[in-house]
Amino acid sequence: MTTDRILLLCSCALAALTSLPVTAGAQEQQMVEDLNGRWKFHIGDDMAWAKPSCDDAVWDDITAPSPWENEGYPGYDGYAWYRKTFYAKDDWKGKVLRLHLGTIDDADETYVNGVFIGFGGQFPPHYITEYGWTRDYYLPSWCLKYGERNVIAIRVYDSQMAGGITGGRLGIYQVTDPLRAEQSIEGTWKLRQGDDPGWKSPALADASWRDVVVPLYWETQGLKDYDGFGWYRCHFRPDPSLEGKTLILLLGKVDDLDETYLNGERIGRTGSMEPRNGQIRHSNEYSQLRAYTIPPDVLKFGADNVLAVRVYDAWLHGGIYDEPIGLISRDRYLEWKARHRDRTNPWDFFRKFFGQN
């Protein structure tokens, strides 16, 4: 293949990629609230600015997306905050929502009504830039005030050159055909740092463990900058309507690796936590949906069940961070998979034109 043809095909492939609809995995999304336009803005850093009660009336008005250097702050590097008010519509209830904030240069922490829902990069002193990464955060329904004023607050750190919310289609998006658990087990779970195989035992007393919300990064819940092992535990009773069905546990997405136990039995894992040459290897496991078939006789109807999830986080984000979380029948799961099977995989474009299988 000639160099000119390779360049032409790469250009065509890039055009195809940029024309695809906004997706989260295979799930298409549509905007329900446009957040492009005027935002409140203040240079400096004060964690009180994350609170919904913060009075930002005297803050500057600037346009986002646009580097703040183009909005009256040339040459500014350091910390700054954005804030924007929106109204959560009643018809959003029961929908799966995501918050898109485009690209942010360099690092951000994002709050909705004071709830820390996501972050990109890392602030000093352990600075990591993620200036080219599109911010796409799961927006939990429990942190919204329907029919009322809601506040998004974004803490940003810029190291050099362009800073702030620099590009993208800002908005609140609805996942149009979400994979839904028939019995949700989202909510308050237990979490403990460290690693002990005994923590999978259903008999373990875990009342003293840390309370956390699942799904949500553990860094947003008091374990900032923590990398390594952690265990989640959840107690639940299965819905009687699911008895007699082949069931699948949906565990959303986990950053990075997991081993999942139900009533002490391992029912699935993604990646391997066994060190090789002194290192635990990982790649793109963080982006993979966890769906584990529950073997017969492991789930106990009419009794307490214990779900224990061993997690290894290599760096930056960590924990069970995205939906759906819960139980679904195999038939419902396969119906959803069939509806999404024919969605375009952008990398198929490259394989087709370069003659790869």
Protein backbone atom coordinates (compact mmCIF):
# COMPACT_ATOMS: atom_id res chain seq x y z
CA MET A 1 0.00 0.00 0.00
CA THR A 2 1.43 3.38 -0.98
CA THR A 3 2.10 6.15 1.50
CA ASP A 4 -0.49 8.38 -0.22
CA ARG A 5 -3.17 5.70 0.14
CA ILE A 6 -2.33 5.17 3.81
CA LEU A 7 -2.65 8.91 4.45
CA LEU A 8 -5.92 9.05 2.52
CA LEU A 9 -7.40 6.12 4.45
CA CYS A 10 -6.30 7.56 7.79
CA SER A 11 -7.96 10.86 6.89
CA CYS A 12 -11.18 9.08 5.91
CA ALA A 13 -11.11 7.00 9.07
CA LEU A 14 -10.57 10.10 11.22
CA ALA A 15 -13.53 11.78 9.53
CA ALA A 16 -15.68 8.72 10.20
CA LEU A 17 -14.67 8.64 13.85
CA THR A 18 -15.48 12.30 14.42
CA SER A 19 -18.91 11.92 12.77
CA LEU A 20 -20.09 9.08 15.01
CA PRO A 21 -22.80 9.82 17.62
CA VAL A 22 -21.79 10.49 21.22
CA THR A 23 -21.57 7.10 22.95
CA ALA A 24 -20.67 5.48 26.24
CA GLY A 25 -19.42 2.11 25.12
CA ALA A 26 -22.19 0.93 22.77
CA GLN A 27 -24.83 3.19 24.31
CA GLU A 28 -25.98 6.16 22.26
CA GLN A 29 -26.79 9.43 24.00
CA GLN A 30 -28.78 12.56 23.24
CA MET A 31 -28.47 15.98 24.82
CA VAL A 32 -31.26 16.98 27.20
CA GLU A 33 -29.62 20.15 28.58
CA ASP A 34 -27.24 22.36 26.63
CA LEU A 35 -24.43 23.71 28.84
CA ASN A 36 -22.51 25.56 26.15
CA GLY A 37 -22.42 29.32 26.64
CA ARG A 38 -21.95 31.59 29.63
CA TRP A 39 -20.49 30.24 32.88
CA LYS A 40 -19.47 31.98 36.09
CA PHE A 41 -15.69 32.06 36.51
CA HIS A 42 -13.20 32.97 39.23
CA ILE A 43 -9.43 32.54 39.37
CA GLY A 44 -7.95 31.22 42.59
CA ASP A 45 -8.89 28.23 44.70
CA ASP A 46 -11.35 27.80 47.56
CA MET A 47 -13.15 24.53 48.27
CA ALA A 48 -16.14 26.53 49.54
CA TRP A 49 -16.82 27.33 45.88
CA ALA A 50 -17.98 23.73 45.37
CA LYS A 51 -20.99 24.33 47.61
CA PRO A 52 -24.37 25.14 46.01
CA SER A 53 -24.79 27.96 48.55
CA CYS A 54 -21.73 29.81 47.26
CA ASP A 55 -22.65 33.33 46.08
CA ASP A 56 -21.12 33.69 42.62
CA ALA A 57 -23.07 36.78 41.56
CA VAL A 58 -19.92 38.93 41.42
CA TRP A 59 -17.90 36.34 39.48
CA ASP A 60 -16.99 37.04 35.87
CA ASP A 61 -19.09 35.67 33.02
CA ILE A 62 -17.07 33.82 30.40
CA THR A 63 -17.87 31.52 27.50
CA ALA A 64 -17.27 27.76 27.64
CA PRO A 65 -15.94 25.97 25.80
CA SER A 66 -13.11 28.36 25.13
CA PRO A 67 -9.62 28.63 26.65
CA TRP A 68 -9.75 31.16 29.45
CA GLU A 69 -6.85 32.97 27.76
CA ASN A 70 -9.36 33.91 25.04
CA GLU A 71 -11.90 35.08 27.63
CA GLY A 72 -9.90 37.84 29.26
CA TYR A 73 -7.25 35.91 31.19
CA PRO A 74 -4.19 35.86 28.91
CA GLY A 75 -1.13 34.12 30.30
CA TYR A 76 -2.90 32.87 33.42
CA ASP A 77 -1.73 29.51 34.80
CA GLY A 78 -2.93 28.00 38.05
CA TYR A 79 -6.27 27.31 39.71
CA ALA A 80 -9.70 28.58 38.70
CA TRP A 81 -13.35 27.56 39.18
CA TYR A 82 -16.34 27.42 36.84
CA ARG A 83 -19.97 27.37 38.04
CA LYS A 84 -23.25 26.99 36.17
CA THR A 85 -26.87 26.66 37.24
CA PHE A 86 -29.41 24.39 35.53
CA TYR A 87 -32.87 23.05 36.33
CA ALA A 88 -33.35 19.29 36.55
CA LYS A 89 -36.56 18.48 34.73
CA ASP A 90 -39.09 16.12 36.29
CA ASP A 91 -39.12 13.96 33.15
CA TRP A 92 -35.45 13.13 33.75
CA LYS A 93 -36.48 10.90 36.66
CA GLY A 94 -35.68 7.26 36.00
CA LYS A 95 -33.36 8.07 33.10
CA VAL A 96 -29.66 7.31 32.90
CA LEU A 97 -27.86 10.64 32.65
CA ARG A 98 -24.29 11.65 31.91
CA LEU A 99 -22.48 14.97 32.26
CA HIS A 100 -20.27 15.93 29.31
CA LEU A 101 -17.75 18.71 29.96
CA GLY A 102 -15.66 18.45 26.83
CA THR A 103 -11.89 18.72 27.14
CA ILE A 104 -10.40 20.44 30.18
CA ASP A 105 -6.82 21.71 30.33
CA ASP A 106 -5.23 20.31 32.45
CA ALA A 107 -6.91 18.70 35.52
CA ASP A 108 -10.39 18.99 37.01
CA GLU A 109 -12.60 18.02 39.93
CA THR A 110 -16.32 18.23 39.19
CA TYR A 111 -19.12 18.71 41.72
CA VAL A 112 -22.91 18.66 41.29
CA ASN A 113 -24.81 20.21 44.19
CA GLY A 114 -21.66 19.79 46.25
CA VAL A 115 -21.27 16.08 45.42
CA PHE A 116 -17.85 15.18 44.02
CA ILE A 117 -18.84 13.07 40.98
CA GLY A 118 -15.68 12.80 38.88
CA PHE A 119 -12.23 14.07 38.02
CA GLY A 120 -9.59 14.05 35.32
CA GLY A 121 -5.86 14.33 35.82
CA GLN A 122 -4.34 15.17 39.17
CA PHE A 123 -3.57 18.39 40.97
CA PRO A 124 -0.16 19.38 42.39
CA PRO A 125 1.98 18.24 44.11
CA HIS A 126 1.47 14.98 42.17
CA TYR A 127 0.45 16.74 38.99
CA ILE A 128 -0.86 14.77 36.00
CA THR A 129 -2.36 16.45 32.94
CA GLU A 130 -5.32 15.04 31.01
CA TYR A 131 -5.79 18.02 28.70
CA GLY A 132 -6.83 15.89 25.70
CA TRP A 133 -9.26 13.61 27.52
CA THR A 134 -13.00 14.26 27.11
CA ARG A 135 -14.78 14.47 30.49
CA ASP A 136 -17.81 12.17 30.51
CA TYR A 137 -19.16 11.55 34.01
CA TYR A 138 -22.04 9.39 35.21
CA LEU A 139 -24.58 11.77 36.76
CA PRO A 140 -26.24 10.02 39.73
CA SER A 141 -29.96 10.70 40.02
CA TRP A 142 -29.73 10.94 43.82
CA CYS A 143 -27.57 14.07 43.67
CA LEU A 144 -30.09 16.01 41.57
CA LYS A 145 -32.92 18.24 42.82
CA TYR A 146 -35.74 17.74 40.34
CA GLY A 147 -37.71 20.85 39.46
CA GLU A 148 -35.20 22.98 41.34
CA ARG A 149 -31.99 24.91 40.90
CA ASN A 150 -28.91 22.68 40.57
CA VAL A 151 -25.29 23.81 40.48
CA ILE A 152 -22.28 22.42 38.63
CA ALA A 153 -18.93 23.55 40.05
CA ILE A 154 -15.65 22.65 38.34
CA ARG A 155 -12.27 23.11 39.95
CA VAL A 156 -9.55 23.39 37.28
CA TYR A 157 -5.77 23.49 37.37
CA ASP A 158 -3.79 24.61 34.32
CA SER A 159 -0.03 24.16 34.17
CA GLN A 160 0.84 26.07 30.99
CA MET A 161 -0.46 27.41 27.69
CA ALA A 162 -4.24 27.05 27.14
CA GLY A 163 -6.36 26.59 30.26
CA GLY A 164 -9.90 25.72 31.29
CA ILE A 165 -12.79 24.14 29.40
CA THR A 166 -11.31 24.25 25.93
CA GLY A 167 -13.59 22.25 23.60
CA GLY A 168 -16.43 19.82 23.06
CA ARG A 169 -20.22 19.68 23.31
CA LEU A 170 -21.02 20.55 26.91
CA GLY A 171 -24.29 19.24 28.23
CA ILE A 172 -26.34 16.76 30.17
CA TYR A 173 -27.04 13.70 28.05
CA GLN A 174 -29.56 10.89 28.32
CA VAL A 175 -28.50 7.34 27.45
CA THR A 176 -31.24 6.43 24.97
CA ASP A 177 -31.29 2.64 25.43
CA PRO A 178 -29.49 1.88 28.70
CA LEU A 179 -28.77 -1.56 30.04
CA ARG A 180 -30.90 -1.68 33.19
CA ALA A 181 -30.74 -4.08 36.09
CA GLU A 182 -34.08 -5.67 36.98
CA GLN A 183 -33.02 -5.37 40.61
CA SER A 184 -30.68 -2.48 41.31
CA ILE A 185 -28.15 -2.80 44.10
CA GLU A 186 -26.69 0.66 43.64
CA GLY A 187 -26.33 2.71 46.79
CA THR A 188 -24.34 2.50 50.01
CA TRP A 189 -21.77 -0.30 50.16
CA LYS A 190 -18.81 -1.02 52.43
CA LEU A 191 -15.18 -0.48 51.38
CA ARG A 192 -11.84 -1.25 52.96
CA GLN A 193 -8.32 -0.50 51.76
CA GLY A 194 -5.86 -3.37 51.57
CA ASP A 195 -6.09 -7.00 50.55
CA ASP A 196 -7.08 -10.09 52.50
CA PRO A 197 -8.62 -13.22 50.90
CA GLY A 198 -10.67 -13.69 54.05
CA TRP A 199 -12.69 -10.59 53.18
CA LYS A 200 -14.72 -12.62 50.67
CA SER A 201 -16.31 -14.62 53.50
CA PRO A 202 -20.07 -14.08 53.99
CA ALA A 203 -19.53 -14.42 57.76
CA LEU A 204 -17.11 -11.49 57.95
CA ALA A 205 -18.20 -8.59 60.16
CA ASP A 206 -17.91 -5.46 57.98
CA ALA A 207 -19.92 -2.90 59.97
CA SER A 208 -16.79 -0.89 60.76
CA TRP A 209 -15.78 -0.57 57.11
CA ARG A 210 -16.05 2.76 55.30
CA ASP A 211 -19.47 3.64 53.81
CA VAL A 212 -19.23 4.52 50.11
CA VAL A 213 -21.65 5.04 47.24
CA VAL A 214 -21.55 2.59 44.32
CA PRO A 215 -21.04 3.53 41.54
CA LEU A 216 -18.66 6.42 42.20
CA TYR A 217 -14.85 6.62 42.16
CA TRP A 218 -13.34 5.89 45.56
CA GLU A 219 -11.12 8.99 45.16
CA THR A 220 -14.28 11.11 45.35
CA GLN A 221 -15.20 9.48 48.67
CA GLY A 222 -12.25 10.11 50.92
CA LEU A 223 -9.56 7.97 49.27
CA LYS A 224 -7.94 10.69 47.21
CA ASP A 225 -4.69 9.64 45.52
CA TYR A 226 -5.10 6.04 46.73
CA ASP A 227 -3.80 3.32 44.40
CA GLY A 228 -3.67 -0.37 45.16
CA PHE A 229 -6.08 -2.96 46.53
CA GLY A 230 -9.49 -2.42 48.02
CA TRP A 231 -12.50 -4.63 48.81
CA TYR A 232 -16.16 -3.73 48.45
CA ARG A 233 -18.98 -5.57 50.24
CA CYS A 234 -22.73 -5.37 49.83
CA HIS A 235 -25.61 -7.22 51.55
CA PHE A 236 -28.87 -7.71 49.68
CA ARG A 237 -31.93 -9.94 49.30
CA PRO A 238 -32.84 -10.93 45.73
CA ASP A 239 -36.27 -10.02 44.40
CA PRO A 240 -38.57 -13.08 44.53
CA SER A 241 -39.72 -12.36 40.94
CA LEU A 242 -36.24 -13.37 39.72
CA GLU A 243 -36.33 -16.85 41.22
CA GLY A 244 -36.06 -19.67 38.69
CA LYS A 245 -34.31 -17.49 36.09
CA THR A 246 -30.72 -17.63 34.91
CA LEU A 247 -29.32 -14.39 36.35
CA ILE A 248 -26.40 -12.14 35.52
CA LEU A 249 -24.69 -9.78 37.94
CA LEU A 250 -24.06 -6.37 36.40
CA LEU A 251 -21.15 -4.60 38.08
CA GLY A 252 -20.89 -1.58 35.80
CA LYS A 253 -17.28 -0.57 35.20
CA VAL A 254 -14.35 -1.02 37.55
CA ASP A 255 -10.99 0.76 37.51
CA ASP A 256 -8.88 -1.31 36.97
CA LEU A 257 -9.17 -5.05 37.78
CA ASP A 258 -11.69 -7.07 39.80
CA GLU A 259 -12.45 -10.47 41.25
CA THR A 260 -16.09 -10.81 42.25
CA TYR A 261 -17.44 -13.20 44.89
CA LEU A 262 -21.05 -14.00 45.76
CA ASN A 263 -21.57 -15.74 49.09
CA GLY A 264 -17.90 -16.67 49.09
CA GLU A 265 -17.87 -18.17 45.57
CA ARG A 266 -15.98 -16.46 42.79
CA ILE A 267 -18.42 -15.79 39.94
CA GLY A 268 -16.21 -13.70 37.67
CA ARG A 269 -13.14 -11.61 37.18
CA THR A 270 -11.70 -9.16 34.66
CA GLY A 271 -7.94 -9.10 34.31
CA SER A 272 -5.45 -10.91 36.50
CA MET A 273 -4.08 -9.68 39.81
CA GLU A 274 -1.26 -12.23 39.82
CA PRO A 275 2.06 -10.36 39.51
CA ARG A 276 4.28 -11.14 36.55
CA ASN A 277 7.91 -10.10 36.85
CA GLY A 278 6.94 -8.21 39.98
CA GLN A 279 4.13 -6.23 38.33
CA ILE A 280 0.36 -6.54 38.03
CA ARG A 281 -0.43 -6.01 34.37
CA HIS A 282 -3.43 -4.02 33.15
CA SER A 283 -4.56 -2.35 29.93
CA ASN A 284 -8.09 -1.28 29.03
CA GLU A 285 -9.99 -3.35 31.60
CA TYR A 286 -11.26 -0.13 33.22
CA SER A 287 -13.47 0.51 30.16
CA GLN A 288 -15.09 -2.95 30.07
CA LEU A 289 -18.62 -3.61 31.30
CA ARG A 290 -18.69 -6.26 34.02
CA ALA A 291 -21.43 -8.87 33.47
CA TYR A 292 -21.04 -12.18 35.33
CA THR A 293 -23.35 -15.19 35.07
CA ILE A 294 -24.43 -16.40 38.51
CA PRO A 295 -24.05 -20.19 38.80
CA PRO A 296 -27.04 -22.23 40.04
CA ASP A 297 -27.50 -22.51 43.83
CA VAL A 298 -25.07 -19.65 44.63
CA LEU A 299 -27.78 -17.00 45.06
CA LYS A 300 -30.06 -17.48 48.10
CA PHE A 301 -33.65 -16.35 47.80
CA GLY A 302 -35.38 -15.30 51.00
CA ALA A 303 -32.05 -14.83 52.75
CA ASP A 304 -29.15 -12.39 53.08
CA ASN A 305 -26.58 -12.54 50.28
CA VAL A 306 -23.10 -11.04 50.41
CA LEU A 307 -21.35 -9.63 47.37
CA ALA A 308 -17.60 -9.06 47.83
CA VAL A 309 -15.52 -7.41 45.12
CA ARG A 310 -11.73 -7.36 45.21
CA VAL A 311 -10.39 -4.41 43.19
CA TYR A 312 -6.92 -3.44 42.09
CA ASP A 313 -6.34 0.14 40.95
CA ALA A 314 -3.05 0.81 39.21
CA TRP A 315 -3.16 4.60 39.23
CA LEU A 316 -5.33 7.72 39.13
CA HIS A 317 -9.04 6.69 39.06
CA GLY A 318 -10.09 3.70 41.15
CA GLY A 319 -13.03 1.56 42.19
CA ILE A 320 -16.52 0.73 40.92
CA TYR A 321 -17.33 3.92 39.06
CA ASP A 322 -20.10 3.44 36.49
CA GLU A 323 -23.55 1.86 36.17
CA PRO A 324 -25.46 -0.48 35.87
CA ILE A 325 -25.19 -2.31 39.20
CA GLY A 326 -27.59 -5.14 39.98
CA LEU A 327 -29.26 -8.32 38.78
CA ILE A 328 -30.73 -8.99 35.34
CA SER A 329 -32.14 -12.11 33.74
CA ARG A 330 -30.06 -13.68 31.00
CA ASP A 331 -32.95 -13.25 28.53
CA ARG A 332 -33.20 -9.49 29.16
CA TYR A 333 -29.44 -9.11 28.95
CA LEU A 334 -29.25 -10.94 25.62
CA GLU A 335 -32.13 -8.85 24.22
CA TRP A 336 -30.19 -5.68 25.03
CA LYS A 337 -26.97 -7.11 23.58
CA ALA A 338 -28.78 -8.02 20.36
CA ARG A 339 -30.07 -4.46 19.95
CA HIS A 340 -26.54 -3.12 20.25
CA ARG A 341 -24.66 -5.78 18.35
CA ASP A 342 -24.80 -3.99 15.00
CA ARG A 343 -23.62 -0.61 16.31
CA THR A 344 -20.61 0.63 14.39
CA ASN A 345 -17.24 -0.14 15.92
CA PRO A 346 -15.01 2.72 14.65
CA TRP A 347 -11.92 0.51 14.59
CA ASP A 348 -13.68 -1.81 12.09
CA PHE A 349 -13.19 1.04 9.62
CA PHE A 350 -9.41 0.66 9.88
CA ARG A 351 -9.51 -3.14 9.70
CA LYS A 352 -11.73 -3.03 6.59
CA PHE A 353 -9.54 -0.66 4.59
CA PHE A 354 -6.23 -2.11 5.70
CA GLY A 355 -7.43 -5.64 4.91
CA GLN A 356 -7.16 -6.95 8.47
CA ASN A 357 -9.54 -9.50 9.98
